PDB file of all heavy atoms in Angstrom:
ATOM      1  N   ALA A   1     -36.476  -5.546   4.136  1.00  0.00           N
ATOM      2  CA  ALA A   1     -36.701  -5.473   2.691  1.00  0.00           C
ATOM      3  C   ALA A   1     -35.907  -4.353   2.031  1.00  0.00           C
ATOM      4  O   ALA A   1     -35.704  -4.359   0.812  1.00  0.00           O
ATOM      5  CB  ALA A   1     -38.189  -5.277   2.400  1.00  0.00           C
ATOM      6  N   TYR A   2     -35.450  -3.386   2.820  1.00  0.00           N
ATOM      7  CA  TYR A   2     -34.706  -2.266   2.262  1.00  0.00           C
ATOM      8  C   TYR A   2     -33.209  -2.539   2.171  1.00  0.00           C
ATOM      9  O   TYR A   2     -32.443  -1.672   1.730  1.00  0.00           O
ATOM     10  CB  TYR A   2     -34.931  -1.007   3.113  1.00  0.00           C
ATOM     11  CG  TYR A   2     -36.388  -0.635   3.295  1.00  0.00           C
ATOM     12  CD1 TYR A   2     -36.823   0.036   4.445  1.00  0.00           C
ATOM     13  CD2 TYR A   2     -37.354  -0.958   2.338  1.00  0.00           C
ATOM     14  CE1 TYR A   2     -38.156   0.382   4.618  1.00  0.00           C
ATOM     15  CE2 TYR A   2     -38.695  -0.631   2.509  1.00  0.00           C
ATOM     16  CZ  TYR A   2     -39.086   0.035   3.653  1.00  0.00           C
ATOM     17  OH  TYR A   2     -40.405   0.367   3.826  1.00  0.00           O
ATOM     18  N   GLN A   3     -32.801  -3.729   2.602  1.00  0.00           N
ATOM     19  CA  GLN A   3     -31.381  -4.084   2.546  1.00  0.00           C
ATOM     20  C   GLN A   3     -31.049  -4.606   1.152  1.00  0.00           C
ATOM     21  O   GLN A   3     -30.976  -5.806   0.903  1.00  0.00           O
ATOM     22  CB  GLN A   3     -31.046  -5.120   3.619  1.00  0.00           C
ATOM     23  CG  GLN A   3     -31.330  -4.663   5.035  1.00  0.00           C
ATOM     24  CD  GLN A   3     -30.552  -3.432   5.438  1.00  0.00           C
ATOM     25  OE1 GLN A   3     -29.390  -3.272   5.075  1.00  0.00           O
ATOM     26  NE2 GLN A   3     -31.178  -2.546   6.197  1.00  0.00           N
ATOM     27  N   ASP A   4     -30.877  -3.684   0.241  1.00  0.00           N
ATOM     28  CA  ASP A   4     -30.540  -4.009  -1.142  1.00  0.00           C
ATOM     29  C   ASP A   4     -29.513  -2.995  -1.628  1.00  0.00           C
ATOM     30  O   ASP A   4     -29.150  -2.071  -0.881  1.00  0.00           O
ATOM     31  CB  ASP A   4     -31.802  -4.032  -2.020  1.00  0.00           C
ATOM     32  CG  ASP A   4     -32.540  -2.695  -2.034  1.00  0.00           C
ATOM     33  OD1 ASP A   4     -31.875  -1.633  -1.965  1.00  0.00           O
ATOM     34  OD2 ASP A   4     -33.779  -2.701  -2.113  1.00  0.00           O
ATOM     35  N   PRO A   5     -29.008  -3.114  -2.854  1.00  0.00           N
ATOM     36  CA  PRO A   5     -27.947  -2.194  -3.300  1.00  0.00           C
ATOM     37  C   PRO A   5     -28.315  -0.721  -3.196  1.00  0.00           C
ATOM     38  O   PRO A   5     -27.431   0.132  -3.051  1.00  0.00           O
ATOM     39  CB  PRO A   5     -27.714  -2.621  -4.745  1.00  0.00           C
ATOM     40  CG  PRO A   5     -28.018  -4.092  -4.745  1.00  0.00           C
ATOM     41  CD  PRO A   5     -29.208  -4.223  -3.821  1.00  0.00           C
ATOM     42  N   GLY A   6     -29.597  -0.413  -3.222  1.00  0.00           N
ATOM     43  CA  GLY A   6     -30.012   0.974  -3.156  1.00  0.00           C
ATOM     44  C   GLY A   6     -29.732   1.656  -1.834  1.00  0.00           C
ATOM     45  O   GLY A   6     -29.757   2.895  -1.751  1.00  0.00           O
ATOM     46  N   VAL A   7     -29.438   0.868  -0.794  1.00  0.00           N
ATOM     47  CA  VAL A   7     -29.178   1.464   0.515  1.00  0.00           C
ATOM     48  C   VAL A   7     -27.700   1.829   0.711  1.00  0.00           C
ATOM     49  O   VAL A   7     -27.349   2.512   1.667  1.00  0.00           O
ATOM     50  CB  VAL A   7     -29.655   0.511   1.639  1.00  0.00           C
ATOM     51  CG1 VAL A   7     -28.639  -0.606   1.885  1.00  0.00           C
ATOM     52  CG2 VAL A   7     -29.913   1.269   2.940  1.00  0.00           C
ATOM     53  N   LEU A   8     -26.842   1.402  -0.202  1.00  0.00           N
ATOM     54  CA  LEU A   8     -25.406   1.651  -0.011  1.00  0.00           C
ATOM     55  C   LEU A   8     -25.057   3.146   0.077  1.00  0.00           C
ATOM     56  O   LEU A   8     -24.208   3.513   0.898  1.00  0.00           O
ATOM     57  CB  LEU A   8     -24.587   0.975  -1.114  1.00  0.00           C
ATOM     58  CG  LEU A   8     -23.075   0.929  -0.841  1.00  0.00           C
ATOM     59  CD1 LEU A   8     -22.773   0.050   0.372  1.00  0.00           C
ATOM     60  CD2 LEU A   8     -22.313   0.412  -2.068  1.00  0.00           C
ATOM     61  N   PRO A   9     -25.668   4.027  -0.726  1.00  0.00           N
ATOM     62  CA  PRO A   9     -25.345   5.454  -0.561  1.00  0.00           C
ATOM     63  C   PRO A   9     -25.648   5.983   0.843  1.00  0.00           C
ATOM     64  O   PRO A   9     -24.913   6.829   1.357  1.00  0.00           O
ATOM     65  CB  PRO A   9     -26.214   6.136  -1.624  1.00  0.00           C
ATOM     66  CG  PRO A   9     -26.396   5.098  -2.679  1.00  0.00           C
ATOM     67  CD  PRO A   9     -26.512   3.804  -1.917  1.00  0.00           C
ATOM     68  N   LEU A  10     -26.714   5.489   1.456  1.00  0.00           N
ATOM     69  CA  LEU A  10     -27.015   5.880   2.834  1.00  0.00           C
ATOM     70  C   LEU A  10     -25.892   5.441   3.759  1.00  0.00           C
ATOM     71  O   LEU A  10     -25.393   6.224   4.584  1.00  0.00           O
ATOM     72  CB  LEU A  10     -28.334   5.264   3.282  1.00  0.00           C
ATOM     73  CG  LEU A  10     -28.658   5.388   4.785  1.00  0.00           C
ATOM     74  CD1 LEU A  10     -28.837   6.854   5.183  1.00  0.00           C
ATOM     75  CD2 LEU A  10     -29.898   4.565   5.139  1.00  0.00           C
ATOM     76  N   TYR A  11     -25.478   4.183   3.636  1.00  0.00           N
ATOM     77  CA  TYR A  11     -24.420   3.679   4.500  1.00  0.00           C
ATOM     78  C   TYR A  11     -23.105   4.400   4.242  1.00  0.00           C
ATOM     79  O   TYR A  11     -22.325   4.642   5.171  1.00  0.00           O
ATOM     80  CB  TYR A  11     -24.266   2.172   4.304  1.00  0.00           C
ATOM     81  CG  TYR A  11     -25.425   1.373   4.857  1.00  0.00           C
ATOM     82  CD1 TYR A  11     -25.676   0.068   4.431  1.00  0.00           C
ATOM     83  CD2 TYR A  11     -26.289   1.915   5.799  1.00  0.00           C
ATOM     84  CE1 TYR A  11     -26.740  -0.672   4.943  1.00  0.00           C
ATOM     85  CE2 TYR A  11     -27.350   1.196   6.310  1.00  0.00           C
ATOM     86  CZ  TYR A  11     -27.569  -0.097   5.881  1.00  0.00           C
ATOM     87  OH  TYR A  11     -28.631  -0.813   6.384  1.00  0.00           O
ATOM     88  N   LYS A  12     -22.850   4.751   2.996  1.00  0.00           N
ATOM     89  CA  LYS A  12     -21.627   5.518   2.689  1.00  0.00           C
ATOM     90  C   LYS A  12     -21.656   6.855   3.413  1.00  0.00           C
ATOM     91  O   LYS A  12     -20.637   7.287   3.982  1.00  0.00           O
ATOM     92  CB  LYS A  12     -21.507   5.720   1.180  1.00  0.00           C
ATOM     93  CG  LYS A  12     -20.247   6.483   0.768  1.00  0.00           C
ATOM     94  CD  LYS A  12     -20.153   6.623  -0.745  1.00  0.00           C
ATOM     95  CE  LYS A  12     -18.872   7.341  -1.148  1.00  0.00           C
ATOM     96  NZ  LYS A  12     -18.775   7.487  -2.633  1.00  0.00           N
ATOM     97  N   HIS A  13     -22.798   7.512   3.406  1.00  0.00           N
ATOM     98  CA  HIS A  13     -22.928   8.790   4.121  1.00  0.00           C
ATOM     99  C   HIS A  13     -22.659   8.606   5.614  1.00  0.00           C
ATOM    100  O   HIS A  13     -21.968   9.435   6.223  1.00  0.00           O
ATOM    101  CB  HIS A  13     -24.331   9.364   3.908  1.00  0.00           C
ATOM    102  CG  HIS A  13     -24.636  10.526   4.810  1.00  0.00           C
ATOM    103  ND1 HIS A  13     -24.133  11.796   4.594  1.00  0.00           N
ATOM    104  CD2 HIS A  13     -25.380  10.599   5.953  1.00  0.00           C
ATOM    105  CE1 HIS A  13     -24.556  12.605   5.553  1.00  0.00           C
ATOM    106  NE2 HIS A  13     -25.306  11.909   6.394  1.00  0.00           N
ATOM    107  N   LEU A  14     -23.196   7.542   6.200  1.00  0.00           N
ATOM    108  CA  LEU A  14     -22.992   7.311   7.621  1.00  0.00           C
ATOM    109  C   LEU A  14     -21.514   7.066   7.932  1.00  0.00           C
ATOM    110  O   LEU A  14     -20.992   7.554   8.940  1.00  0.00           O
ATOM    111  CB  LEU A  14     -23.831   6.127   8.097  1.00  0.00           C
ATOM    112  CG  LEU A  14     -25.358   6.213   7.899  1.00  0.00           C
ATOM    113  CD1 LEU A  14     -26.053   5.032   8.566  1.00  0.00           C
ATOM    114  CD2 LEU A  14     -25.920   7.524   8.420  1.00  0.00           C
ATOM    115  N   VAL A  15     -20.844   6.328   7.071  1.00  0.00           N
ATOM    116  CA  VAL A  15     -19.416   6.057   7.276  1.00  0.00           C
ATOM    117  C   VAL A  15     -18.595   7.340   7.199  1.00  0.00           C
ATOM    118  O   VAL A  15     -17.786   7.643   8.079  1.00  0.00           O
ATOM    119  CB  VAL A  15     -18.903   5.038   6.240  1.00  0.00           C
ATOM    120  CG1 VAL A  15     -17.373   4.955   6.267  1.00  0.00           C
ATOM    121  CG2 VAL A  15     -19.505   3.656   6.497  1.00  0.00           C
ATOM    122  N   VAL A  16     -18.804   8.102   6.135  1.00  0.00           N
ATOM    123  CA  VAL A  16     -17.984   9.295   5.904  1.00  0.00           C
ATOM    124  C   VAL A  16     -18.241  10.349   6.974  1.00  0.00           C
ATOM    125  O   VAL A  16     -17.301  11.007   7.461  1.00  0.00           O
ATOM    126  CB  VAL A  16     -18.254   9.866   4.498  1.00  0.00           C
ATOM    127  CG1 VAL A  16     -17.565  11.215   4.312  1.00  0.00           C
ATOM    128  CG2 VAL A  16     -17.781   8.880   3.434  1.00  0.00           C
ATOM    129  N   SER A  17     -19.482  10.518   7.377  1.00  0.00           N
ATOM    130  CA  SER A  17     -19.799  11.537   8.375  1.00  0.00           C
ATOM    131  C   SER A  17     -19.553  11.045   9.799  1.00  0.00           C
ATOM    132  O   SER A  17     -19.292  11.847  10.697  1.00  0.00           O
ATOM    133  CB  SER A  17     -21.253  11.997   8.228  1.00  0.00           C
ATOM    134  OG  SER A  17     -22.155  10.911   8.346  1.00  0.00           O
ATOM    135  N   GLY A  18     -19.609   9.715  10.002  1.00  0.00           N
ATOM    136  CA  GLY A  18     -19.322   9.147  11.323  1.00  0.00           C
ATOM    137  C   GLY A  18     -17.847   9.165  11.641  1.00  0.00           C
ATOM    138  O   GLY A  18     -17.419   9.595  12.711  1.00  0.00           O
ATOM    139  N   ALA A  19     -17.048   8.691  10.706  1.00  0.00           N
ATOM    140  CA  ALA A  19     -15.586   8.838  10.723  1.00  0.00           C
ATOM    141  C   ALA A  19     -14.935   8.504  12.065  1.00  0.00           C
ATOM    142  O   ALA A  19     -14.057   9.218  12.520  1.00  0.00           O
ATOM    143  CB  ALA A  19     -15.202  10.249  10.273  1.00  0.00           C
ATOM    144  N   TRP A  20     -15.392   7.425  12.695  1.00  0.00           N
ATOM    145  CA  TRP A  20     -14.708   6.934  13.890  1.00  0.00           C
ATOM    146  C   TRP A  20     -15.016   5.461  14.055  1.00  0.00           C
ATOM    147  O   TRP A  20     -16.037   4.952  13.605  1.00  0.00           O
ATOM    148  CB  TRP A  20     -15.105   7.735  15.125  1.00  0.00           C
ATOM    149  CG  TRP A  20     -14.118   7.581  16.252  1.00  0.00           C
ATOM    150  CD1 TRP A  20     -14.354   7.068  17.485  1.00  0.00           C
ATOM    151  CD2 TRP A  20     -12.722   7.912  16.242  1.00  0.00           C
ATOM    152  NE1 TRP A  20     -13.209   7.070  18.259  1.00  0.00           N
ATOM    153  CE2 TRP A  20     -12.180   7.581  17.514  1.00  0.00           C
ATOM    154  CE3 TRP A  20     -11.871   8.454  15.273  1.00  0.00           C
ATOM    155  CZ2 TRP A  20     -10.828   7.778  17.836  1.00  0.00           C
ATOM    156  CZ3 TRP A  20     -10.533   8.642  15.609  1.00  0.00           C
ATOM    157  CH2 TRP A  20     -10.035   8.313  16.864  1.00  0.00           C
ATOM    158  N   TRP A  21     -14.119   4.738  14.734  1.00  0.00           N
ATOM    159  CA  TRP A  21     -14.130   3.282  14.691  1.00  0.00           C
ATOM    160  C   TRP A  21     -15.401   2.647  15.241  1.00  0.00           C
ATOM    161  O   TRP A  21     -15.870   1.629  14.714  1.00  0.00           O
ATOM    162  CB  TRP A  21     -12.905   2.717  15.412  1.00  0.00           C
ATOM    163  CG  TRP A  21     -12.852   3.020  16.879  1.00  0.00           C
ATOM    164  CD1 TRP A  21     -12.231   4.074  17.469  1.00  0.00           C
ATOM    165  CD2 TRP A  21     -13.445   2.269  17.948  1.00  0.00           C
ATOM    166  NE1 TRP A  21     -12.398   4.032  18.836  1.00  0.00           N
ATOM    167  CE2 TRP A  21     -13.131   2.940  19.156  1.00  0.00           C
ATOM    168  CE3 TRP A  21     -14.205   1.098  18.000  1.00  0.00           C
ATOM    169  CZ2 TRP A  21     -13.569   2.460  20.397  1.00  0.00           C
ATOM    170  CZ3 TRP A  21     -14.639   0.629  19.231  1.00  0.00           C
ATOM    171  CH2 TRP A  21     -14.321   1.303  20.417  1.00  0.00           C
ATOM    172  N   ASP A  22     -15.979   3.194  16.318  1.00  0.00           N
ATOM    173  CA  ASP A  22     -17.129   2.525  16.913  1.00  0.00           C
ATOM    174  C   ASP A  22     -18.336   2.546  15.987  1.00  0.00           C
ATOM    175  O   ASP A  22     -19.138   1.602  15.968  1.00  0.00           O
ATOM    176  CB  ASP A  22     -17.494   3.149  18.267  1.00  0.00           C
ATOM    177  CG  ASP A  22     -17.904   4.603  18.166  1.00  0.00           C
ATOM    178  OD1 ASP A  22     -17.244   5.354  17.410  1.00  0.00           O
ATOM    179  OD2 ASP A  22     -18.872   5.012  18.843  1.00  0.00           O
ATOM    180  N   LEU A  23     -18.455   3.591  15.185  1.00  0.00           N
ATOM    181  CA  LEU A  23     -19.543   3.694  14.224  1.00  0.00           C
ATOM    182  C   LEU A  23     -19.207   2.949  12.938  1.00  0.00           C
ATOM    183  O   LEU A  23     -19.998   2.147  12.434  1.00  0.00           O
ATOM    184  CB  LEU A  23     -19.829   5.168  13.916  1.00  0.00           C
ATOM    185  CG  LEU A  23     -20.155   6.060  15.118  1.00  0.00           C
ATOM    186  CD1 LEU A  23     -20.228   7.524  14.693  1.00  0.00           C
ATOM    187  CD2 LEU A  23     -21.461   5.634  15.776  1.00  0.00           C
ATOM    188  N   VAL A  24     -18.028   3.204  12.415  1.00  0.00           N
ATOM    189  CA  VAL A  24     -17.626   2.638  11.127  1.00  0.00           C
ATOM    190  C   VAL A  24     -17.529   1.120  11.170  1.00  0.00           C
ATOM    191  O   VAL A  24     -17.995   0.429  10.256  1.00  0.00           O
ATOM    192  CB  VAL A  24     -16.288   3.261  10.671  1.00  0.00           C
ATOM    193  CG1 VAL A  24     -15.720   2.515   9.458  1.00  0.00           C
ATOM    194  CG2 VAL A  24     -16.482   4.735  10.347  1.00  0.00           C
ATOM    195  N   ASP A  25     -16.940   0.586  12.229  1.00  0.00           N
ATOM    196  CA  ASP A  25     -16.741  -0.860  12.288  1.00  0.00           C
ATOM    197  C   ASP A  25     -18.064  -1.604  12.370  1.00  0.00           C
ATOM    198  O   ASP A  25     -18.234  -2.676  11.771  1.00  0.00           O
ATOM    199  CB  ASP A  25     -15.850  -1.233  13.475  1.00  0.00           C
ATOM    200  CG  ASP A  25     -14.427  -0.733  13.308  1.00  0.00           C
ATOM    201  OD1 ASP A  25     -14.133  -0.091  12.268  1.00  0.00           O
ATOM    202  OD2 ASP A  25     -13.606  -0.973  14.206  1.00  0.00           O
ATOM    203  N   SER A  26     -19.012  -1.069  13.102  1.00  0.00           N
ATOM    204  CA  SER A  26     -20.328  -1.693  13.185  1.00  0.00           C
ATOM    205  C   SER A  26     -21.039  -1.641  11.839  1.00  0.00           C
ATOM    206  O   SER A  26     -21.639  -2.636  11.393  1.00  0.00           O
ATOM    207  CB  SER A  26     -21.172  -0.999  14.257  1.00  0.00           C
ATOM    208  OG  SER A  26     -22.432  -1.617  14.385  1.00  0.00           O
ATOM    209  N   LEU A  27     -20.966  -0.506  11.175  1.00  0.00           N
ATOM    210  CA  LEU A  27     -21.574  -0.399   9.849  1.00  0.00           C
ATOM    211  C   LEU A  27     -20.916  -1.370   8.868  1.00  0.00           C
ATOM    212  O   LEU A  27     -21.595  -2.020   8.069  1.00  0.00           O
ATOM    213  CB  LEU A  27     -21.433   1.040   9.329  1.00  0.00           C
ATOM    214  CG  LEU A  27     -22.325   2.087   9.995  1.00  0.00           C
ATOM    215  CD1 LEU A  27     -21.815   3.495   9.698  1.00  0.00           C
ATOM    216  CD2 LEU A  27     -23.771   1.933   9.538  1.00  0.00           C
ATOM    217  N   ALA A  28     -19.598  -1.483   8.951  1.00  0.00           N
ATOM    218  CA  ALA A  28     -18.868  -2.345   8.021  1.00  0.00           C
ATOM    219  C   ALA A  28     -19.242  -3.812   8.184  1.00  0.00           C
ATOM    220  O   ALA A  28     -19.535  -4.509   7.210  1.00  0.00           O
ATOM    221  CB  ALA A  28     -17.370  -2.162   8.208  1.00  0.00           C
ATOM    222  N   THR A  29     -19.231  -4.293   9.427  1.00  0.00           N
ATOM    223  CA  THR A  29     -19.384  -5.736   9.658  1.00  0.00           C
ATOM    224  C   THR A  29     -20.831  -6.186   9.795  1.00  0.00           C
ATOM    225  O   THR A  29     -21.155  -7.328   9.463  1.00  0.00           O
ATOM    226  CB  THR A  29     -18.607  -6.151  10.917  1.00  0.00           C
ATOM    227  OG1 THR A  29     -19.102  -5.411  12.054  1.00  0.00           O
ATOM    228  CG2 THR A  29     -17.119  -5.857  10.747  1.00  0.00           C
ATOM    229  N   LYS A  30     -21.718  -5.288  10.253  1.00  0.00           N
ATOM    230  CA  LYS A  30     -23.102  -5.688  10.504  1.00  0.00           C
ATOM    231  C   LYS A  30     -24.074  -5.244   9.417  1.00  0.00           C
ATOM    232  O   LYS A  30     -25.164  -5.812   9.293  1.00  0.00           O
ATOM    233  CB  LYS A  30     -23.562  -5.141  11.851  1.00  0.00           C
ATOM    234  CG  LYS A  30     -22.796  -5.713  13.029  1.00  0.00           C
ATOM    235  CD  LYS A  30     -23.291  -5.130  14.342  1.00  0.00           C
ATOM    236  CE  LYS A  30     -22.505  -5.674  15.524  1.00  0.00           C
ATOM    237  NZ  LYS A  30     -22.956  -5.082  16.818  1.00  0.00           N
ATOM    238  N   ARG A  31     -23.721  -4.216   8.668  1.00  0.00           N
ATOM    239  CA  ARG A  31     -24.625  -3.709   7.644  1.00  0.00           C
ATOM    240  C   ARG A  31     -24.060  -3.922   6.242  1.00  0.00           C
ATOM    241  O   ARG A  31     -24.666  -4.560   5.397  1.00  0.00           O
ATOM    242  CB  ARG A  31     -24.896  -2.211   7.874  1.00  0.00           C
ATOM    243  CG  ARG A  31     -25.490  -1.883   9.230  1.00  0.00           C
ATOM    244  CD  ARG A  31     -26.945  -2.316   9.358  1.00  0.00           C
ATOM    245  NE  ARG A  31     -27.414  -2.067  10.711  1.00  0.00           N
ATOM    246  CZ  ARG A  31     -27.437  -2.998  11.683  1.00  0.00           C
ATOM    247  NH1 ARG A  31     -27.012  -4.228  11.428  1.00  0.00           N
ATOM    248  NH2 ARG A  31     -27.876  -2.699  12.892  1.00  0.00           N
ATOM    249  N   ILE A  32     -22.881  -3.381   5.994  1.00  0.00           N
ATOM    250  CA  ILE A  32     -22.342  -3.394   4.639  1.00  0.00           C
ATOM    251  C   ILE A  32     -21.850  -4.772   4.242  1.00  0.00           C
ATOM    252  O   ILE A  32     -22.096  -5.227   3.111  1.00  0.00           O
ATOM    253  CB  ILE A  32     -21.234  -2.334   4.506  1.00  0.00           C
ATOM    254  CG1 ILE A  32     -21.846  -0.935   4.714  1.00  0.00           C
ATOM    255  CG2 ILE A  32     -20.550  -2.421   3.146  1.00  0.00           C
ATOM    256  CD1 ILE A  32     -20.835   0.178   4.889  1.00  0.00           C
ATOM    257  N   GLY A  33     -21.186  -5.473   5.142  1.00  0.00           N
ATOM    258  CA  GLY A  33     -20.693  -6.813   4.817  1.00  0.00           C
ATOM    259  C   GLY A  33     -21.798  -7.767   4.369  1.00  0.00           C
ATOM    260  O   GLY A  33     -21.712  -8.367   3.288  1.00  0.00           O
ATOM    261  N   PRO A  34     -22.851  -7.941   5.174  1.00  0.00           N
ATOM    262  CA  PRO A  34     -23.948  -8.813   4.743  1.00  0.00           C
ATOM    263  C   PRO A  34     -24.584  -8.354   3.432  1.00  0.00           C
ATOM    264  O   PRO A  34     -25.019  -9.187   2.618  1.00  0.00           O
ATOM    265  CB  PRO A  34     -24.938  -8.709   5.908  1.00  0.00           C
ATOM    266  CG  PRO A  34     -24.085  -8.402   7.095  1.00  0.00           C
ATOM    267  CD  PRO A  34     -23.012  -7.492   6.569  1.00  0.00           C
ATOM    268  N   LEU A  35     -24.634  -7.044   3.216  1.00  0.00           N
ATOM    269  CA  LEU A  35     -25.213  -6.515   1.987  1.00  0.00           C
ATOM    270  C   LEU A  35     -24.379  -6.923   0.770  1.00  0.00           C
ATOM    271  O   LEU A  35     -24.921  -7.355  -0.255  1.00  0.00           O
ATOM    272  CB  LEU A  35     -25.288  -4.987   2.092  1.00  0.00           C
ATOM    273  CG  LEU A  35     -26.166  -4.237   1.108  1.00  0.00           C
ATOM    274  CD1 LEU A  35     -27.628  -4.612   1.274  1.00  0.00           C
ATOM    275  CD2 LEU A  35     -25.989  -2.727   1.300  1.00  0.00           C
ATOM    276  N   VAL A  36     -23.058  -6.809   0.890  1.00  0.00           N
ATOM    277  CA  VAL A  36     -22.176  -7.187  -0.221  1.00  0.00           C
ATOM    278  C   VAL A  36     -22.275  -8.683  -0.492  1.00  0.00           C
ATOM    279  O   VAL A  36     -22.295  -9.121  -1.653  1.00  0.00           O
ATOM    280  CB  VAL A  36     -20.717  -6.777   0.078  1.00  0.00           C
ATOM    281  CG1 VAL A  36     -19.776  -7.294  -1.009  1.00  0.00           C
ATOM    282  CG2 VAL A  36     -20.606  -5.261   0.193  1.00  0.00           C
ATOM    283  N   ARG A  37     -22.371  -9.484   0.563  1.00  0.00           N
ATOM    284  CA  ARG A  37     -22.486 -10.934   0.357  1.00  0.00           C
ATOM    285  C   ARG A  37     -23.811 -11.302  -0.304  1.00  0.00           C
ATOM    286  O   ARG A  37     -23.876 -12.274  -1.052  1.00  0.00           O
ATOM    287  CB  ARG A  37     -22.315 -11.668   1.690  1.00  0.00           C
ATOM    288  CG  ARG A  37     -20.884 -11.627   2.203  1.00  0.00           C
ATOM    289  CD  ARG A  37     -20.647 -12.572   3.355  1.00  0.00           C
ATOM    290  NE  ARG A  37     -21.242 -12.130   4.608  1.00  0.00           N
ATOM    291  CZ  ARG A  37     -20.709 -11.216   5.408  1.00  0.00           C
ATOM    292  NH1 ARG A  37     -19.578 -10.615   5.071  1.00  0.00           N
ATOM    293  NH2 ARG A  37     -21.289 -10.898   6.557  1.00  0.00           N
ATOM    294  N   ALA A  38     -24.832 -10.518  -0.037  1.00  0.00           N
ATOM    295  CA  ALA A  38     -26.139 -10.801  -0.651  1.00  0.00           C
ATOM    296  C   ALA A  38     -26.193 -10.339  -2.108  1.00  0.00           C
ATOM    297  O   ALA A  38     -26.925 -10.923  -2.911  1.00  0.00           O
ATOM    298  CB  ALA A  38     -27.241 -10.118   0.148  1.00  0.00           C
ATOM    299  N   TYR A  39     -25.420  -9.318  -2.437  1.00  0.00           N
ATOM    300  CA  TYR A  39     -25.434  -8.751  -3.798  1.00  0.00           C
ATOM    301  C   TYR A  39     -24.007  -8.555  -4.297  1.00  0.00           C
ATOM    302  O   TYR A  39     -23.564  -7.431  -4.541  1.00  0.00           O
ATOM    303  CB  TYR A  39     -26.175  -7.411  -3.804  1.00  0.00           C
ATOM    304  CG  TYR A  39     -27.614  -7.503  -3.385  1.00  0.00           C
ATOM    305  CD1 TYR A  39     -27.985  -7.283  -2.057  1.00  0.00           C
ATOM    306  CD2 TYR A  39     -28.616  -7.818  -4.309  1.00  0.00           C
ATOM    307  CE1 TYR A  39     -29.318  -7.375  -1.666  1.00  0.00           C
ATOM    308  CE2 TYR A  39     -29.950  -7.910  -3.933  1.00  0.00           C
ATOM    309  CZ  TYR A  39     -30.286  -7.690  -2.596  1.00  0.00           C
ATOM    310  OH  TYR A  39     -31.606  -7.783  -2.205  1.00  0.00           O
ATOM    311  N   PRO A  40     -23.256  -9.636  -4.438  1.00  0.00           N
ATOM    312  CA  PRO A  40     -21.840  -9.494  -4.784  1.00  0.00           C
ATOM    313  C   PRO A  40     -21.598  -8.851  -6.143  1.00  0.00           C
ATOM    314  O   PRO A  40     -20.674  -8.030  -6.283  1.00  0.00           O
ATOM    315  CB  PRO A  40     -21.328 -10.940  -4.748  1.00  0.00           C
ATOM    316  CG  PRO A  40     -22.554 -11.789  -4.946  1.00  0.00           C
ATOM    317  CD  PRO A  40     -23.659 -11.046  -4.277  1.00  0.00           C
ATOM    318  N   VAL A  41     -22.372  -9.203  -7.130  1.00  0.00           N
ATOM    319  CA  VAL A  41     -22.141  -8.649  -8.475  1.00  0.00           C
ATOM    320  C   VAL A  41     -22.325  -7.141  -8.474  1.00  0.00           C
ATOM    321  O   VAL A  41     -21.527  -6.394  -9.056  1.00  0.00           O
ATOM    322  CB  VAL A  41     -23.097  -9.313  -9.496  1.00  0.00           C
ATOM    323  CG1 VAL A  41     -22.966  -8.634 -10.855  1.00  0.00           C
ATOM    324  CG2 VAL A  41     -22.787 -10.801  -9.621  1.00  0.00           C
TER     325      VAL A  41
END
């Protein structure tokens, strides 16, 4: 239920502070991608 636009700042923090492919790629394809498809506008 928390997978909505309000969670994007959290994921942004994880990406910027993680700053390496094994973390970033998983966040991009498994978390952020589905989120953008659910809330494209």
